[in-house]
Amino acid sequence: MAVQDIAYVELFTTDERATVDYFVSSMGFTRMAKSEDRERSSVFLRQGEVRLVVSSGPATWKFLDTHGDGIADIAMTCDDVAATRDAAVAAGVRVVDSEAGHPVVSGFGGVSHTLLPAAAGHGDRLPDHSRWISEAAAPTKGPDRIRLLDHIAVCLEGGTLEEYADYYRDALGFSRYSSEYVDVGGQAMDSIVVRSSSGRVTFTLVAPDPAKGSGQLDAFLERNAGPGVQHLAFLVDEIIPAVHEYRDSGVEFLKTPGSYYELLIQRFSGMAEEIGDLQGAQVLADRDEWGYLLQLFSRSPYERNTLFFELIQRRGSRGFGSANIRALYEAVERDRLAAE
């Protein structure tokens, strides 16, 4: 019943044209196909191994009214779809729907998981809700920056982290990879990373500590009307040129204070010559026993300020920037307070 890979991620949006343009013009994705019927209009985008479906229309309205623009389905391929569905049901999960024989099970909040067979030779796996028409790929502006979906960050309600970590273990064959607790002033964030046995699907589950004061995760849960995908993390080979390119194309990234880089010089003396370039791009850096990690987070491009994106470059590191969790938390918190 093991999950093997992410087939695609489906994003519901109130403005399909603007959302597609953001991914294509600003982040370098390519339009691959289009589908349209009375209930839903969808565009299939791809870059590297990332497959993204952007959908709008009546079939999306209930989700959008409740949660705003965001990820509605994380479709995954499985060794045995029937066994995975049965394990999910045994773990207390509902079968939400079945498209052309493919079960759709509930995940968290309004997010579901379409379960697809991991058979070879099928090419791109897309939603079966309508007929897809291939589109002629327009010439790209430059090389693909994004290689794959490194991980998906999921924001959950306080006190439910263990429950969902157990669900992904029992229903979908994930295992716990790591955990982190970050206390920032009177607020705190708890996290558990779960990963498929294939190593190709990673969820970072985060939740506020209900014993602490209200903070950015509580604000996300309020804006999103419950749990949801907080961000998608895209793996890149070279983050600095990617950040400059995306910023010039209209992507807004969180700002990092200069004091962060003063401390970084003390923490990473071996990177002293590179830190100026990191500061120029506002990129964060961390390391673990395996190597270095570079990352940067975007602002949400959506009206309800829910879903945002991360660029991440790995130089051997297997972690998720645990030292930067605090930096991200504080940066988002400054953004939140400045907007109030």
Protein backbone atom coordinates (compact mmCIF):
# COMPACT_ATOMS: atom_id res chain seq x y z
CA MET A 1 0.00 0.00 0.00
CA ALA A 2 3.03 2.29 -0.31
CA VAL A 3 2.73 5.69 -1.97
CA GLN A 4 5.37 6.11 -4.66
CA ASP A 5 5.17 9.62 -6.09
CA ILE A 6 3.10 12.77 -6.56
CA ALA A 7 1.29 12.51 -9.88
CA TYR A 8 0.12 16.14 -9.82
CA VAL A 9 -0.99 18.90 -7.48
CA GLU A 10 -4.29 20.64 -8.30
CA LEU A 11 -4.74 24.30 -7.38
CA PHE A 12 -8.25 25.81 -7.29
CA THR A 13 -8.33 29.52 -8.16
CA THR A 14 -10.80 32.35 -8.57
CA ASP A 15 -8.78 33.77 -11.48
CA GLU A 16 -7.43 31.08 -13.76
CA ARG A 17 -5.80 33.49 -16.21
CA ALA A 18 -3.86 35.42 -13.55
CA THR A 19 -2.79 32.25 -11.73
CA VAL A 20 -1.57 30.53 -14.89
CA ASP A 21 0.26 33.71 -15.94
CA TYR A 22 2.02 33.84 -12.55
CA PHE A 23 3.39 30.31 -12.97
CA VAL A 24 4.23 30.69 -16.67
CA SER A 25 5.51 34.28 -16.90
CA SER A 26 7.00 34.64 -13.43
CA MET A 27 8.12 31.11 -12.52
CA GLY A 28 8.91 29.57 -15.88
CA PHE A 29 6.29 26.80 -16.08
CA THR A 30 5.07 25.59 -19.49
CA ARG A 31 1.43 25.13 -20.52
CA MET A 32 1.02 21.54 -21.66
CA ALA A 33 -2.73 20.90 -21.98
CA LYS A 34 -6.18 22.35 -21.41
CA SER A 35 -9.54 20.83 -20.47
CA GLU A 36 -12.93 22.48 -20.19
CA ASP A 37 -16.51 21.49 -19.50
CA ARG A 38 -19.55 23.06 -17.82
CA GLU A 39 -18.26 22.40 -14.31
CA ARG A 40 -14.53 23.02 -14.51
CA SER A 41 -11.82 24.62 -16.63
CA SER A 42 -8.26 23.36 -16.08
CA VAL A 43 -4.77 24.05 -17.38
CA PHE A 44 -1.93 21.56 -16.97
CA LEU A 45 1.48 23.13 -16.30
CA ARG A 46 4.85 21.44 -16.03
CA GLN A 47 8.43 22.31 -15.13
CA GLY A 48 11.04 19.67 -14.48
CA GLU A 49 9.23 16.87 -12.67
CA VAL A 50 6.60 19.20 -11.17
CA ARG A 51 3.10 18.72 -12.56
CA LEU A 52 0.58 21.38 -11.60
CA VAL A 53 -3.10 21.57 -12.56
CA VAL A 54 -4.82 24.98 -12.21
CA SER A 55 -8.62 24.73 -12.09
CA SER A 56 -11.57 27.12 -11.85
CA GLY A 57 -15.34 26.97 -12.43
CA PRO A 58 -18.45 25.77 -10.56
CA ALA A 59 -16.82 22.55 -9.35
CA THR A 60 -14.27 24.65 -7.43
CA TRP A 61 -16.60 27.24 -5.92
CA LYS A 62 -17.38 25.45 -2.64
CA PHE A 63 -13.67 25.02 -1.88
CA LEU A 64 -12.87 28.61 -2.90
CA ASP A 65 -15.72 30.09 -0.83
CA THR A 66 -14.40 28.27 2.24
CA HIS A 67 -10.62 28.34 1.80
CA GLY A 68 -9.75 30.82 -0.95
CA ASP A 69 -7.21 30.04 -3.68
CA GLY A 70 -5.15 27.00 -2.73
CA ILE A 71 -4.22 23.37 -3.21
CA ALA A 72 -7.33 21.17 -3.32
CA ASP A 73 -5.87 17.82 -4.38
CA ILE A 74 -2.48 16.14 -4.00
CA ALA A 75 -2.73 13.15 -6.34
CA MET A 76 -0.37 10.28 -5.55
CA THR A 77 0.60 7.07 -7.28
CA CYS A 78 0.50 3.86 -5.23
CA ASP A 79 1.79 0.31 -5.49
CA ASP A 80 -1.73 -0.99 -4.86
CA VAL A 81 -4.58 1.52 -5.10
CA ALA A 82 -7.24 -0.77 -3.64
CA ALA A 83 -5.07 -1.72 -0.65
CA THR A 84 -4.19 1.93 -0.04
CA ARG A 85 -7.86 2.94 -0.18
CA ASP A 86 -8.77 0.16 2.26
CA ALA A 87 -5.95 1.16 4.63
CA ALA A 88 -7.15 4.78 4.49
CA VAL A 89 -10.72 3.73 5.29
CA ALA A 90 -9.45 1.55 8.16
CA ALA A 91 -7.58 4.61 9.47
CA GLY A 92 -10.89 6.52 9.58
CA VAL A 93 -10.61 8.37 6.29
CA ARG A 94 -13.58 8.97 3.99
CA VAL A 95 -13.64 8.01 0.31
CA VAL A 96 -14.72 11.36 -1.10
CA ASP A 97 -15.19 10.45 -4.75
CA SER A 98 -14.12 8.08 -7.48
CA GLU A 99 -13.07 9.40 -10.87
CA ALA A 100 -12.96 6.73 -13.58
CA GLY A 101 -12.34 4.14 -10.89
CA HIS A 102 -9.63 6.14 -9.10
CA PRO A 103 -10.57 6.65 -5.44
CA VAL A 104 -10.28 10.10 -3.90
CA VAL A 105 -9.75 10.06 -0.13
CA SER A 106 -9.91 12.91 2.36
CA GLY A 107 -6.61 14.35 3.54
CA PHE A 108 -6.73 17.45 5.77
CA GLY A 109 -9.12 20.40 5.75
CA GLY A 110 -10.51 20.70 2.23
CA VAL A 111 -7.56 18.88 0.65
CA SER A 112 -8.03 15.40 -0.81
CA HIS A 113 -5.77 12.73 -2.32
CA THR A 114 -6.56 11.06 -5.63
CA LEU A 115 -4.97 7.59 -5.62
CA LEU A 116 -3.55 6.42 -8.94
CA PRO A 117 -1.74 3.20 -9.91
CA ALA A 118 2.05 3.48 -10.11
CA ALA A 119 2.20 1.61 -13.42
CA ALA A 120 5.04 2.51 -15.76
CA GLY A 121 4.58 3.92 -19.23
CA HIS A 122 1.56 6.15 -18.62
CA GLY A 123 3.36 9.48 -19.01
CA ASP A 124 1.66 12.43 -17.36
CA ARG A 125 -1.17 11.43 -15.02
CA LEU A 126 -3.94 14.03 -15.09
CA PRO A 127 -7.40 14.41 -13.52
CA ASP A 128 -10.08 12.41 -15.30
CA HIS A 129 -12.84 14.99 -14.89
CA SER A 130 -12.75 15.95 -18.58
CA ARG A 131 -10.95 15.45 -21.88
CA TRP A 132 -7.50 17.01 -22.19
CA ILE A 133 -6.30 18.76 -25.34
CA SER A 134 -2.55 19.20 -25.77
CA GLU A 135 -1.25 22.71 -26.33
CA ALA A 136 1.76 23.68 -28.39
CA ALA A 137 4.46 24.64 -25.91
CA ALA A 138 5.57 28.27 -26.28
CA PRO A 139 9.32 28.92 -26.40
CA THR A 140 10.71 29.29 -22.87
CA LYS A 141 12.61 32.38 -21.79
CA GLY A 142 15.50 30.36 -20.42
CA PRO A 143 16.43 27.08 -18.73
CA ASP A 144 14.05 25.36 -16.35
CA ARG A 145 15.00 26.46 -12.85
CA ILE A 146 12.72 24.05 -10.96
CA ARG A 147 13.58 20.35 -10.95
CA LEU A 148 11.01 18.78 -8.66
CA LEU A 149 8.64 19.25 -5.73
CA ASP A 150 10.97 18.93 -2.75
CA HIS A 151 8.24 18.93 -0.09
CA ILE A 152 4.75 20.20 0.74
CA ALA A 153 4.19 22.16 3.96
CA VAL A 154 0.82 21.48 5.59
CA CYS A 155 -0.58 23.76 8.30
CA LEU A 156 -2.75 21.91 10.83
CA GLU A 157 -4.71 22.95 13.89
CA GLY A 158 -2.94 22.88 17.25
CA GLY A 159 -3.11 19.54 19.02
CA THR A 160 -3.70 17.49 15.82
CA LEU A 161 -0.10 16.99 14.64
CA GLU A 162 0.32 13.47 16.05
CA GLU A 163 -3.06 12.42 14.67
CA TYR A 164 -2.17 13.39 11.11
CA ALA A 165 1.34 11.97 11.32
CA ASP A 166 -0.23 8.67 12.38
CA TYR A 167 -2.76 8.90 9.55
CA TYR A 168 -0.08 9.24 6.88
CA ARG A 169 1.77 6.33 8.45
CA ASP A 170 -1.24 4.01 8.79
CA ALA A 171 -3.16 4.94 5.64
CA LEU A 172 -0.46 5.80 3.11
CA GLY A 173 2.66 4.02 4.33
CA PHE A 174 4.66 7.14 5.27
CA SER A 175 7.21 7.16 8.08
CA ARG A 176 8.31 9.93 10.43
CA TYR A 177 11.51 11.54 9.22
CA SER A 178 12.16 14.33 11.74
CA SER A 179 10.48 16.75 14.15
CA GLU A 180 11.11 20.31 15.31
CA TYR A 181 9.70 22.64 17.96
CA VAL A 182 10.32 26.37 17.55
CA ASP A 183 9.50 28.80 20.35
CA VAL A 184 9.48 32.46 19.27
CA GLY A 185 8.58 34.85 22.07
CA GLY A 186 5.10 34.02 23.28
CA GLN A 187 4.33 31.87 20.20
CA ALA A 188 5.48 28.44 19.13
CA MET A 189 5.34 26.11 16.14
CA ASP A 190 5.56 22.33 16.25
CA SER A 191 6.40 20.22 13.18
CA ILE A 192 6.72 16.61 12.08
CA VAL A 193 8.14 15.63 8.69
CA VAL A 194 6.63 12.48 7.14
CA ARG A 195 7.99 10.81 4.02
CA SER A 196 6.94 7.99 1.70
CA SER A 197 9.04 4.83 1.64
CA SER A 198 10.11 5.76 -1.91
CA GLY A 199 11.57 9.02 -0.55
CA ARG A 200 9.80 10.98 -3.30
CA VAL A 201 6.85 12.36 -1.31
CA THR A 202 7.54 14.52 1.73
CA PHE A 203 5.04 16.44 3.85
CA THR A 204 6.18 18.91 6.49
CA LEU A 205 3.30 19.01 8.98
CA VAL A 206 3.26 22.19 11.08
CA ALA A 207 0.88 23.36 13.80
CA PRO A 208 0.73 26.10 16.42
CA ASP A 209 1.19 25.18 20.07
CA PRO A 210 -2.27 25.82 21.60
CA ALA A 211 -0.62 26.53 24.97
CA LYS A 212 1.12 29.58 23.48
CA GLY A 213 -0.15 32.88 22.11
CA SER A 214 -1.75 33.29 18.71
CA GLY A 215 0.64 33.82 15.78
CA GLN A 216 1.10 33.38 12.05
CA LEU A 217 -0.06 29.77 11.90
CA ASP A 218 -3.25 30.67 13.75
CA ALA A 219 -3.70 33.54 11.27
CA PHE A 220 -3.26 31.12 8.34
CA LEU A 221 -5.81 28.72 9.83
CA GLU A 222 -8.27 31.59 10.23
CA ARG A 223 -7.76 32.90 6.67
CA ASN A 224 -7.91 29.38 5.26
CA ALA A 225 -10.87 28.37 7.44
CA GLY A 226 -8.96 25.37 8.75
CA PRO A 227 -6.00 23.19 7.74
CA GLY A 228 -4.47 23.48 4.29
CA VAL A 229 -1.31 23.52 2.21
CA GLN A 230 0.78 26.42 3.47
CA HIS A 231 3.46 26.25 0.79
CA LEU A 232 4.96 24.21 -2.03
CA ALA A 233 8.77 23.88 -1.93
CA PHE A 234 10.40 23.71 -5.37
CA LEU A 235 13.91 22.23 -5.65
CA VAL A 236 16.30 24.24 -7.86
CA ASP A 237 19.90 23.62 -8.88
CA GLU A 238 21.03 27.25 -8.52
CA ILE A 239 18.88 29.37 -6.23
CA ILE A 240 20.57 32.77 -6.60
CA PRO A 241 20.00 33.18 -10.37
CA ALA A 242 16.52 31.69 -9.95
CA VAL A 243 15.60 34.26 -7.28
CA HIS A 244 16.90 37.18 -9.35
CA GLU A 245 15.08 35.92 -12.44
CA TYR A 246 11.80 35.31 -10.62
CA ARG A 247 11.98 38.61 -8.74
CA ASP A 248 12.53 40.48 -12.03
CA SER A 249 9.49 38.64 -13.43
CA GLY A 250 7.21 39.73 -10.58
CA VAL A 251 7.54 37.17 -7.79
CA GLU A 252 7.65 38.89 -4.38
CA PHE A 253 9.85 37.22 -1.78
CA LEU A 254 9.99 37.73 1.97
CA LYS A 255 12.69 40.15 3.10
CA THR A 256 15.51 39.03 5.36
CA PRO A 257 17.05 41.56 7.80
CA GLY A 258 20.72 42.48 7.38
CA SER A 259 21.43 41.26 10.90
CA TYR A 260 20.68 37.71 9.71
CA TYR A 261 23.72 37.80 7.41
CA GLU A 262 25.95 39.29 10.11
CA LEU A 263 25.14 36.26 12.25
CA LEU A 264 25.49 33.96 9.24
CA ILE A 265 29.14 34.98 8.80
CA GLN A 266 29.77 33.88 12.37
CA ARG A 267 27.85 30.60 11.92
CA PHE A 268 29.29 29.64 8.52
CA SER A 269 32.84 30.93 8.31
CA GLY A 270 33.49 28.72 5.29
CA MET A 271 30.84 30.58 3.28
CA ALA A 272 32.18 34.09 3.97
CA GLU A 273 32.89 34.84 0.30
CA GLU A 274 29.44 33.70 -0.78
CA ILE A 275 27.40 35.43 1.90
CA GLY A 276 27.43 38.73 0.01
CA ASP A 277 25.72 37.00 -2.93
CA LEU A 278 23.22 35.38 -0.57
CA GLN A 279 22.42 38.74 0.99
CA GLY A 280 22.01 40.34 -2.43
CA ALA A 281 19.35 37.75 -3.25
CA GLN A 282 17.98 37.66 0.36
CA VAL A 283 18.55 33.89 0.42
CA LEU A 284 18.66 31.97 3.73
CA ALA A 285 21.31 29.33 4.50
CA ASP A 286 21.47 26.39 6.89
CA ARG A 287 23.50 23.21 7.29
CA ASP A 288 23.32 19.82 8.88
CA GLU A 289 25.71 16.87 9.18
CA TRP A 290 25.34 16.10 5.46
CA GLY A 291 25.85 19.55 3.95
CA TYR A 292 24.35 22.95 3.20
CA LEU A 293 20.86 24.16 2.34
CA LEU A 294 19.82 27.43 0.66
CA GLN A 295 16.19 28.58 0.62
CA LEU A 296 13.85 31.54 0.17
CA PHE A 297 10.09 31.98 0.56
CA SER A 298 7.70 34.01 -1.55
CA ARG A 299 4.82 36.14 -0.40
CA SER A 300 1.42 34.70 -1.21
CA PRO A 301 0.12 36.01 -4.55
CA TYR A 302 -3.49 35.34 -3.51
CA GLU A 303 -6.07 37.70 -2.03
CA ARG A 304 -6.55 35.73 1.21
CA ASN A 305 -2.78 35.45 1.73
CA THR A 306 -2.80 31.69 2.12
CA LEU A 307 -0.67 29.57 -0.23
CA PHE A 308 2.91 30.66 -0.93
CA PHE A 309 6.05 29.07 -2.41
CA GLU A 310 9.61 28.16 -1.48
CA LEU A 311 12.74 27.80 -3.59
CA ILE A 312 15.26 25.39 -2.09
CA GLN A 313 18.75 24.33 -3.19
CA ARG A 314 20.42 21.37 -1.52
CA ARG A 315 24.18 20.99 -1.28
CA GLY A 316 24.08 17.65 0.43
CA SER A 317 21.71 18.69 3.21
CA ARG A 318 18.81 16.34 3.94
CA GLY A 319 17.04 18.68 6.34
CA PHE A 320 14.53 21.49 5.98
CA GLY A 321 16.43 24.46 7.35
CA SER A 322 15.64 23.95 11.02
CA ALA A 323 17.69 27.02 11.97
CA ASN A 324 15.75 28.96 9.34
CA ILE A 325 12.35 27.89 10.66
CA ARG A 326 12.79 30.60 13.26
CA ALA A 327 13.99 33.08 10.62
CA LEU A 328 10.98 32.29 8.39
CA TYR A 329 8.59 32.48 11.33
CA GLU A 330 9.94 35.85 12.36
CA ALA A 331 9.94 37.19 8.77
CA VAL A 332 6.32 36.15 8.20
CA GLU A 333 5.40 37.56 11.61
CA ARG A 334 6.91 40.95 10.68
CA ASP A 335 4.96 40.87 7.42
CA ARG A 336 1.75 40.05 9.30
CA LEU A 337 2.19 42.82 11.85
CA ALA A 338 3.13 45.37 9.17
CA ALA A 339 -0.12 44.56 7.29
CA GLU A 340 -2.32 45.11 10.37
